[in-house]
Amino acid sequence: MERFEPPKDLKKQVMGAALAVERENDHTSFARKPIFRKRWKSIAAIAVVSAFFFIGSIWNYQLYRERSAAPLPLEQALNIPAAQIERLVSLKPEMAETTRTYGVACIVDNGQNKQFIVYVFGVKASKDTQAYQVWLLQDGERRSAGTFRVDEQGIGVLALPIAADSPSFDSIGIKLEPDDRGDQPRGEKMFGSI
């Protein structure tokens, strides 16, 4: 294809045509103003509705997340599949305060999620900042599974949701710690797995 130079008056022709159209619009603009106003009102209305829809969607998503994280009301308990215990470990008290002192640790699966649960009964209540801390021992390595407090009736519960893989451990120990922030055992041993 051969290259050619545009005519020297091309710019004048284009600008002249554009100015002529602009002048024509100025003369007929009084008839078009209501149309432009209607368009702007429509665009503004669409923008407002879109903004409300977007904000409502975000708000609805937040509500959905909060609802799915919240525990189910007791009335809906029949909609959940029966739970089964995957693993049960009896916990022996180090010094029985009464003949009814005992504890258990278990992994419970209801088909929708799993929980690691520890129950203790008949032990002394935790006071002030004290907390019972559950320690899992595997291959000589100790790690905390969480803390809980015991009420005046001597009952304490730790319930933690767990991932699909159950926590692995060889044995369990529970110590009464001075507070709930320890990363190493510091207190008196209260229970050990049998």
C-alpha atoms as a PDB file:
ATOM      1  CA  MET A   1       0.000   0.000   0.000  1.00  0.00           C
ATOM      2  CA  GLU A   2       1.353   3.422  -0.933  1.00  0.00           C
ATOM      3  CA  ARG A   3       1.649   6.133   1.643  1.00  0.00           C
ATOM      4  CA  PHE A   4       0.068   9.425   0.815  1.00  0.00           C
ATOM      5  CA  GLU A   5      -0.129  12.813   2.487  1.00  0.00           C
ATOM      6  CA  PRO A   6      -3.555  14.018   3.636  1.00  0.00           C
ATOM      7  CA  PRO A   7      -4.797  17.239   2.071  1.00  0.00           C
ATOM      8  CA  LYS A   8      -3.474  20.378   3.799  1.00  0.00           C
ATOM      9  CA  ASP A   9      -6.977  21.692   4.473  1.00  0.00           C
ATOM     10  CA  LEU A  10      -8.185  18.424   6.131  1.00  0.00           C
ATOM     11  CA  LYS A  11      -7.902  19.922   9.603  1.00  0.00           C
ATOM     12  CA  LYS A  12     -10.041  22.920   8.530  1.00  0.00           C
ATOM     13  CA  GLN A  13     -12.660  20.630   7.015  1.00  0.00           C
ATOM     14  CA  VAL A  14     -12.936  18.460  10.152  1.00  0.00           C
ATOM     15  CA  MET A  15     -12.983  21.400  12.543  1.00  0.00           C
ATOM     16  CA  GLY A  16     -15.504  23.248  10.368  1.00  0.00           C
ATOM     17  CA  ALA A  17     -17.842  20.270  10.353  1.00  0.00           C
ATOM     18  CA  ALA A  18     -17.522  19.863  14.141  1.00  0.00           C
ATOM     19  CA  LEU A  19     -18.211  23.557  14.759  1.00  0.00           C
ATOM     20  CA  ALA A  20     -21.208  23.469  12.410  1.00  0.00           C
ATOM     21  CA  VAL A  21     -22.693  20.546  14.366  1.00  0.00           C
ATOM     22  CA  GLU A  22     -22.023  22.380  17.635  1.00  0.00           C
ATOM     23  CA  ARG A  23     -23.760  25.517  16.344  1.00  0.00           C
ATOM     24  CA  GLU A  24     -26.716  23.444  15.199  1.00  0.00           C
ATOM     25  CA  ASN A  25     -26.915  21.839  18.675  1.00  0.00           C
ATOM     26  CA  ASP A  26     -26.896  25.284  20.295  1.00  0.00           C
ATOM     27  CA  HIS A  27     -29.948  26.290  18.215  1.00  0.00           C
ATOM     28  CA  THR A  28     -31.838  23.066  18.977  1.00  0.00           C
ATOM     29  CA  SER A  29     -30.608  22.588  22.564  1.00  0.00           C
ATOM     30  CA  PHE A  30     -33.751  24.108  24.018  1.00  0.00           C
ATOM     31  CA  ALA A  31     -35.667  21.127  22.629  1.00  0.00           C
ATOM     32  CA  ARG A  32     -33.141  18.535  23.861  1.00  0.00           C
ATOM     33  CA  LYS A  33     -32.620  19.723  27.472  1.00  0.00           C
ATOM     34  CA  PRO A  34     -35.600  17.793  28.858  1.00  0.00           C
ATOM     35  CA  ILE A  35     -34.304  14.619  27.183  1.00  0.00           C
ATOM     36  CA  PHE A  36     -30.842  15.081  28.714  1.00  0.00           C
ATOM     37  CA  ARG A  37     -32.378  15.768  32.122  1.00  0.00           C
ATOM     38  CA  LYS A  38     -34.465  12.612  31.896  1.00  0.00           C
ATOM     39  CA  ARG A  39     -31.360  10.606  30.971  1.00  0.00           C
ATOM     40  CA  TRP A  40     -29.378  12.005  33.872  1.00  0.00           C
ATOM     41  CA  LYS A  41     -32.231  11.305  36.254  1.00  0.00           C
ATOM     42  CA  SER A  42     -32.435   7.732  34.959  1.00  0.00           C
ATOM     43  CA  ILE A  43     -28.677   7.260  35.272  1.00  0.00           C
ATOM     44  CA  ALA A  44     -28.720   8.711  38.797  1.00  0.00           C
ATOM     45  CA  ALA A  45     -31.621   6.439  39.795  1.00  0.00           C
ATOM     46  CA  ILE A  46     -29.825   3.378  38.411  1.00  0.00           C
ATOM     47  CA  ALA A  47     -26.652   4.368  40.278  1.00  0.00           C
ATOM     48  CA  VAL A  48     -28.545   4.767  43.574  1.00  0.00           C
ATOM     49  CA  VAL A  49     -30.366   1.438  43.163  1.00  0.00           C
ATOM     50  CA  SER A  50     -27.065  -0.275  42.272  1.00  0.00           C
ATOM     51  CA  ALA A  51     -25.378   1.213  45.338  1.00  0.00           C
ATOM     52  CA  PHE A  52     -28.226   0.011  47.611  1.00  0.00           C
ATOM     53  CA  PHE A  53     -28.063  -3.440  46.034  1.00  0.00           C
ATOM     54  CA  PHE A  54     -24.284  -3.627  46.515  1.00  0.00           C
ATOM     55  CA  ILE A  55     -24.429  -2.456  50.141  1.00  0.00           C
ATOM     56  CA  GLY A  56     -27.356  -4.780  50.858  1.00  0.00           C
ATOM     57  CA  SER A  57     -25.435  -7.718  49.405  1.00  0.00           C
ATOM     58  CA  ILE A  58     -22.448  -7.019  51.636  1.00  0.00           C
ATOM     59  CA  TRP A  59     -24.681  -6.671  54.689  1.00  0.00           C
ATOM     60  CA  ASN A  60     -26.541  -9.879  53.848  1.00  0.00           C
ATOM     61  CA  TYR A  61     -23.240 -11.753  53.427  1.00  0.00           C
ATOM     62  CA  GLN A  62     -22.087 -10.534  56.855  1.00  0.00           C
ATOM     63  CA  LEU A  63     -25.362 -11.709  58.431  1.00  0.00           C
ATOM     64  CA  TYR A  64     -25.003 -15.089  56.726  1.00  0.00           C
ATOM     65  CA  ARG A  65     -21.466 -15.504  58.088  1.00  0.00           C
ATOM     66  CA  GLU A  66     -22.554 -14.538  61.603  1.00  0.00           C
ATOM     67  CA  ARG A  67     -25.521 -16.888  61.467  1.00  0.00           C
ATOM     68  CA  SER A  68     -23.498 -19.839  60.225  1.00  0.00           C
ATOM     69  CA  ALA A  69     -20.887 -19.254  62.955  1.00  0.00           C
ATOM     70  CA  ALA A  70     -23.483 -18.980  65.718  1.00  0.00           C
ATOM     71  CA  PRO A  71     -24.536 -22.126  67.554  1.00  0.00           C
ATOM     72  CA  LEU A  72     -27.842 -23.603  66.501  1.00  0.00           C
ATOM     73  CA  PRO A  73     -30.856 -23.036  68.729  1.00  0.00           C
ATOM     74  CA  LEU A  74     -31.999 -26.050  70.696  1.00  0.00           C
ATOM     75  CA  GLU A  75     -35.167 -26.212  68.581  1.00  0.00           C
ATOM     76  CA  GLN A  76     -33.072 -27.085  65.517  1.00  0.00           C
ATOM     77  CA  ALA A  77     -31.180 -29.903  67.248  1.00  0.00           C
ATOM     78  CA  LEU A  78     -33.221 -32.550  65.429  1.00  0.00           C
ATOM     79  CA  ASN A  79     -31.824 -31.315  62.091  1.00  0.00           C
ATOM     80  CA  ILE A  80     -28.277 -32.297  63.039  1.00  0.00           C
ATOM     81  CA  PRO A  81     -27.088 -35.859  62.443  1.00  0.00           C
ATOM     82  CA  ALA A  82     -26.405 -38.011  65.493  1.00  0.00           C
ATOM     83  CA  ALA A  83     -23.006 -37.405  67.021  1.00  0.00           C
ATOM     84  CA  GLN A  84     -20.550 -40.185  67.587  1.00  0.00           C
ATOM     85  CA  ILE A  85     -17.445 -40.356  69.706  1.00  0.00           C
ATOM     86  CA  GLU A  86     -14.367 -41.066  67.607  1.00  0.00           C
ATOM     87  CA  ARG A  87     -11.980 -41.333  70.526  1.00  0.00           C
ATOM     88  CA  LEU A  88     -12.540 -41.442  74.278  1.00  0.00           C
ATOM     89  CA  VAL A  89      -9.812 -41.109  76.901  1.00  0.00           C
ATOM     90  CA  SER A  90     -10.510 -41.545  80.613  1.00  0.00           C
ATOM     91  CA  LEU A  91      -8.716 -39.069  82.851  1.00  0.00           C
ATOM     92  CA  LYS A  92      -7.559 -40.205  86.278  1.00  0.00           C
ATOM     93  CA  PRO A  93      -7.343 -37.605  89.039  1.00  0.00           C
ATOM     94  CA  GLU A  94      -3.940 -37.282  90.694  1.00  0.00           C
ATOM     95  CA  MET A  95      -5.516 -36.649  94.098  1.00  0.00           C
ATOM     96  CA  ALA A  96      -9.213 -37.401  94.316  1.00  0.00           C
ATOM     97  CA  GLU A  97     -10.960 -34.758  96.383  1.00  0.00           C
ATOM     98  CA  THR A  98     -14.049 -36.958  96.548  1.00  0.00           C
ATOM     99  CA  THR A  99     -14.961 -40.388  95.294  1.00  0.00           C
ATOM    100  CA  ARG A 100     -16.845 -38.673  92.481  1.00  0.00           C
ATOM    101  CA  THR A 101     -13.822 -36.906  90.974  1.00  0.00           C
ATOM    102  CA  TYR A 102     -13.281 -37.944  87.364  1.00  0.00           C
ATOM    103  CA  GLY A 103     -12.688 -36.636  83.870  1.00  0.00           C
ATOM    104  CA  VAL A 104     -12.899 -37.631  80.219  1.00  0.00           C
ATOM    105  CA  ALA A 105     -11.535 -36.280  76.959  1.00  0.00           C
ATOM    106  CA  CYS A 106     -13.119 -37.156  73.653  1.00  0.00           C
ATOM    107  CA  ILE A 107     -13.324 -36.292  69.986  1.00  0.00           C
ATOM    108  CA  VAL A 108     -16.956 -35.938  68.893  1.00  0.00           C
ATOM    109  CA  ASP A 109     -18.041 -35.953  65.239  1.00  0.00           C
ATOM    110  CA  ASN A 110     -21.610 -35.060  64.257  1.00  0.00           C
ATOM    111  CA  GLY A 111     -21.050 -35.360  60.518  1.00  0.00           C
ATOM    112  CA  GLN A 112     -20.812 -31.592  60.032  1.00  0.00           C
ATOM    113  CA  ASN A 113     -17.892 -30.785  62.321  1.00  0.00           C
ATOM    114  CA  LYS A 114     -15.648 -32.242  64.993  1.00  0.00           C
ATOM    115  CA  GLN A 115     -14.891 -31.081  68.502  1.00  0.00           C
ATOM    116  CA  PHE A 116     -12.255 -31.909  71.064  1.00  0.00           C
ATOM    117  CA  ILE A 117     -14.057 -31.939  74.422  1.00  0.00           C
ATOM    118  CA  VAL A 118     -12.719 -32.333  77.949  1.00  0.00           C
ATOM    119  CA  TYR A 119     -15.044 -32.727  80.971  1.00  0.00           C
ATOM    120  CA  VAL A 120     -13.931 -32.741  84.608  1.00  0.00           C
ATOM    121  CA  PHE A 121     -16.177 -33.298  87.632  1.00  0.00           C
ATOM    122  CA  GLY A 122     -15.684 -33.046  91.373  1.00  0.00           C
ATOM    123  CA  VAL A 123     -12.511 -30.907  91.359  1.00  0.00           C
ATOM    124  CA  LYS A 124     -11.691 -27.699  93.182  1.00  0.00           C
ATOM    125  CA  ALA A 125     -12.932 -24.504  91.594  1.00  0.00           C
ATOM    126  CA  SER A 126     -10.466 -22.224  89.855  1.00  0.00           C
ATOM    127  CA  LYS A 127      -9.957 -18.945  91.700  1.00  0.00           C
ATOM    128  CA  ASP A 128      -9.047 -15.473  90.433  1.00  0.00           C
ATOM    129  CA  THR A 129      -6.794 -15.909  87.374  1.00  0.00           C
ATOM    130  CA  GLN A 130      -6.304 -19.660  87.806  1.00  0.00           C
ATOM    131  CA  ALA A 131      -7.181 -21.896  84.862  1.00  0.00           C
ATOM    132  CA  TYR A 132      -7.029 -25.591  84.131  1.00  0.00           C
ATOM    133  CA  GLN A 133      -4.826 -26.203  81.095  1.00  0.00           C
ATOM    134  CA  VAL A 134      -5.005 -29.319  78.923  1.00  0.00           C
ATOM    135  CA  TRP A 135      -1.653 -30.593  77.681  1.00  0.00           C
ATOM    136  CA  LEU A 136      -1.349 -33.108  74.831  1.00  0.00           C
ATOM    137  CA  LEU A 137       1.785 -35.235  74.787  1.00  0.00           C
ATOM    138  CA  GLN A 138       3.040 -36.949  71.637  1.00  0.00           C
ATOM    139  CA  ASP A 139       6.509 -38.392  71.062  1.00  0.00           C
ATOM    140  CA  GLY A 140       7.817 -36.529  74.122  1.00  0.00           C
ATOM    141  CA  GLU A 141       6.579 -33.165  72.827  1.00  0.00           C
ATOM    142  CA  ARG A 142       4.007 -31.290  74.903  1.00  0.00           C
ATOM    143  CA  ARG A 143       1.551 -28.726  73.486  1.00  0.00           C
ATOM    144  CA  SER A 144      -1.424 -26.917  74.944  1.00  0.00           C
ATOM    145  CA  ALA A 145      -4.918 -27.831  73.758  1.00  0.00           C
ATOM    146  CA  GLY A 146      -6.559 -24.943  75.622  1.00  0.00           C
ATOM    147  CA  THR A 147      -7.697 -23.736  79.012  1.00  0.00           C
ATOM    148  CA  PHE A 148     -10.941 -23.741  80.984  1.00  0.00           C
ATOM    149  CA  ARG A 149     -12.237 -22.740  84.375  1.00  0.00           C
ATOM    150  CA  VAL A 150     -14.041 -24.881  86.956  1.00  0.00           C
ATOM    151  CA  ASP A 151     -17.141 -23.538  88.734  1.00  0.00           C
ATOM    152  CA  GLU A 152     -18.112 -23.826  92.406  1.00  0.00           C
ATOM    153  CA  GLN A 153     -19.869 -27.169  91.758  1.00  0.00           C
ATOM    154  CA  GLY A 154     -16.535 -28.605  90.594  1.00  0.00           C
ATOM    155  CA  ILE A 155     -17.482 -28.885  86.906  1.00  0.00           C
ATOM    156  CA  GLY A 156     -15.313 -27.716  84.028  1.00  0.00           C
ATOM    157  CA  VAL A 157     -15.599 -28.101  80.244  1.00  0.00           C
ATOM    158  CA  LEU A 158     -13.278 -27.385  77.349  1.00  0.00           C
ATOM    159  CA  ALA A 159     -14.863 -27.633  73.889  1.00  0.00           C
ATOM    160  CA  LEU A 160     -12.808 -26.735  70.839  1.00  0.00           C
ATOM    161  CA  PRO A 161     -13.769 -27.109  67.190  1.00  0.00           C
ATOM    162  CA  ILE A 162     -11.095 -28.990  65.276  1.00  0.00           C
ATOM    163  CA  ALA A 163     -10.173 -29.366  61.629  1.00  0.00           C
ATOM    164  CA  ALA A 164     -10.917 -32.505  59.623  1.00  0.00           C
ATOM    165  CA  ASP A 165      -7.786 -34.165  61.027  1.00  0.00           C
ATOM    166  CA  SER A 166      -8.207 -35.173  64.642  1.00  0.00           C
ATOM    167  CA  PRO A 167      -5.482 -34.018  67.030  1.00  0.00           C
ATOM    168  CA  SER A 168      -2.893 -36.696  67.520  1.00  0.00           C
ATOM    169  CA  PHE A 169      -1.600 -37.438  71.022  1.00  0.00           C
ATOM    170  CA  ASP A 170      -0.260 -40.296  73.085  1.00  0.00           C
ATOM    171  CA  SER A 171      -1.461 -39.019  76.454  1.00  0.00           C
ATOM    172  CA  ILE A 172      -3.263 -36.104  78.100  1.00  0.00           C
ATOM    173  CA  GLY A 173      -2.455 -34.185  81.254  1.00  0.00           C
ATOM    174  CA  ILE A 174      -4.385 -31.401  82.958  1.00  0.00           C
ATOM    175  CA  LYS A 175      -2.694 -28.953  85.288  1.00  0.00           C
ATOM    176  CA  LEU A 176      -4.089 -26.169  87.442  1.00  0.00           C
ATOM    177  CA  GLU A 177      -2.084 -23.177  86.212  1.00  0.00           C
ATOM    178  CA  PRO A 178      -1.757 -19.731  87.834  1.00  0.00           C
ATOM    179  CA  ASP A 179      -3.302 -18.150  84.707  1.00  0.00           C
ATOM    180  CA  ASP A 180      -4.481 -19.077  81.197  1.00  0.00           C
ATOM    181  CA  ARG A 181      -1.482 -17.680  79.301  1.00  0.00           C
ATOM    182  CA  GLY A 182       1.216 -20.298  79.821  1.00  0.00           C
ATOM    183  CA  ASP A 183       3.028 -21.976  76.958  1.00  0.00           C
ATOM    184  CA  GLN A 184       4.753 -24.430  79.325  1.00  0.00           C
ATOM    185  CA  PRO A 185       3.303 -26.346  82.299  1.00  0.00           C
ATOM    186  CA  ARG A 186       3.805 -24.433  85.569  1.00  0.00           C
ATOM    187  CA  GLY A 187       1.123 -25.656  87.947  1.00  0.00           C
ATOM    188  CA  GLU A 188      -0.003 -28.678  89.874  1.00  0.00           C
ATOM    189  CA  LYS A 189      -1.003 -31.789  87.881  1.00  0.00           C
ATOM    190  CA  MET A 190      -4.675 -32.564  88.425  1.00  0.00           C
ATOM    191  CA  PHE A 191      -5.469 -35.291  85.842  1.00  0.00           C
ATOM    192  CA  GLY A 192      -3.617 -37.729  83.611  1.00  0.00           C
ATOM    193  CA  SER A 193      -4.831 -40.093  80.920  1.00  0.00           C
ATOM    194  CA  ILE A 194      -5.182 -43.755  81.856  1.00  0.00           C
END
